[in-house]
Amino acid sequence: SGAGKDTLMNGAQERLGGNPRYRFVRRIITRPGDLGEEAHDSATEQEFEARRQGGEFALTWRAHGLHYAIPTDIALDLAEAAARFPVSVIEVSAPADVLARRLAARGREDAVDVARRLSRAIELPLPVDRHSVVNDGTVEQGVRRLLAAISRAAGDAPPA
C-alpha cells in the first residue's frame, strides 16, 4: 500500500492496453469507487459475499478491513498462461518514508494504521520469479520501470 502500484498499472495500461498479449483485470473491492486512483469495481459486503458464494471470483482475499477479488473470467487466461510460461510476480515497492508520506496523504487511515501497514512483510508461498520495481521517483519513471519489469518477466527486449 502506498507504493503507487495502481498509478503505475494505469500508466502501463495506457501503453500496453491495445496489445492482446496483456490483460488488465479490474479488482472488486468493498470500498466506494471514487476514492483515489485505484481502478476497481465496488461492491457492498453483502454483494461481495453473494458474488463469492455464486462462484463469480477466481481469487479473494481480505486486507486492511476490506474484501478484494479477481473475477473468474481471468481463470482461463491464467491457466493457459501457466501451462505455457513460468509464473512471475512484479513487486512494486517504495522506501518506507515515501510510503508513509503517500499513505498519510491519502487520509484513509490514522497514524497507527499507517505504521501497521509499513511493518508488515509479504512472502510469496510459491516459488516464482520475482521482479522488483522501486517506485520512488516520478510517475513516468515508475511506469518505465514497470514496463521494463513486464518485459523482463515476459522474456522480451526492454521497451525503448
Foldseek 3Di string as FASTA:
>chain_A
DQLCPLLLVVVLCVVCVVPPVDDDFAKEKCDDCPQPSRGHHYDHPVRVVVCVVVQQFPDWDDDPNMIITTGPVCVVVVVVCVVPAFDEEEAREEDLVSSLVRVVVSVPDDPVVSVVVSPDDDDDPDDGHYHYQYRHDDSVVRNLSVQQSVCVRVVHDRDD
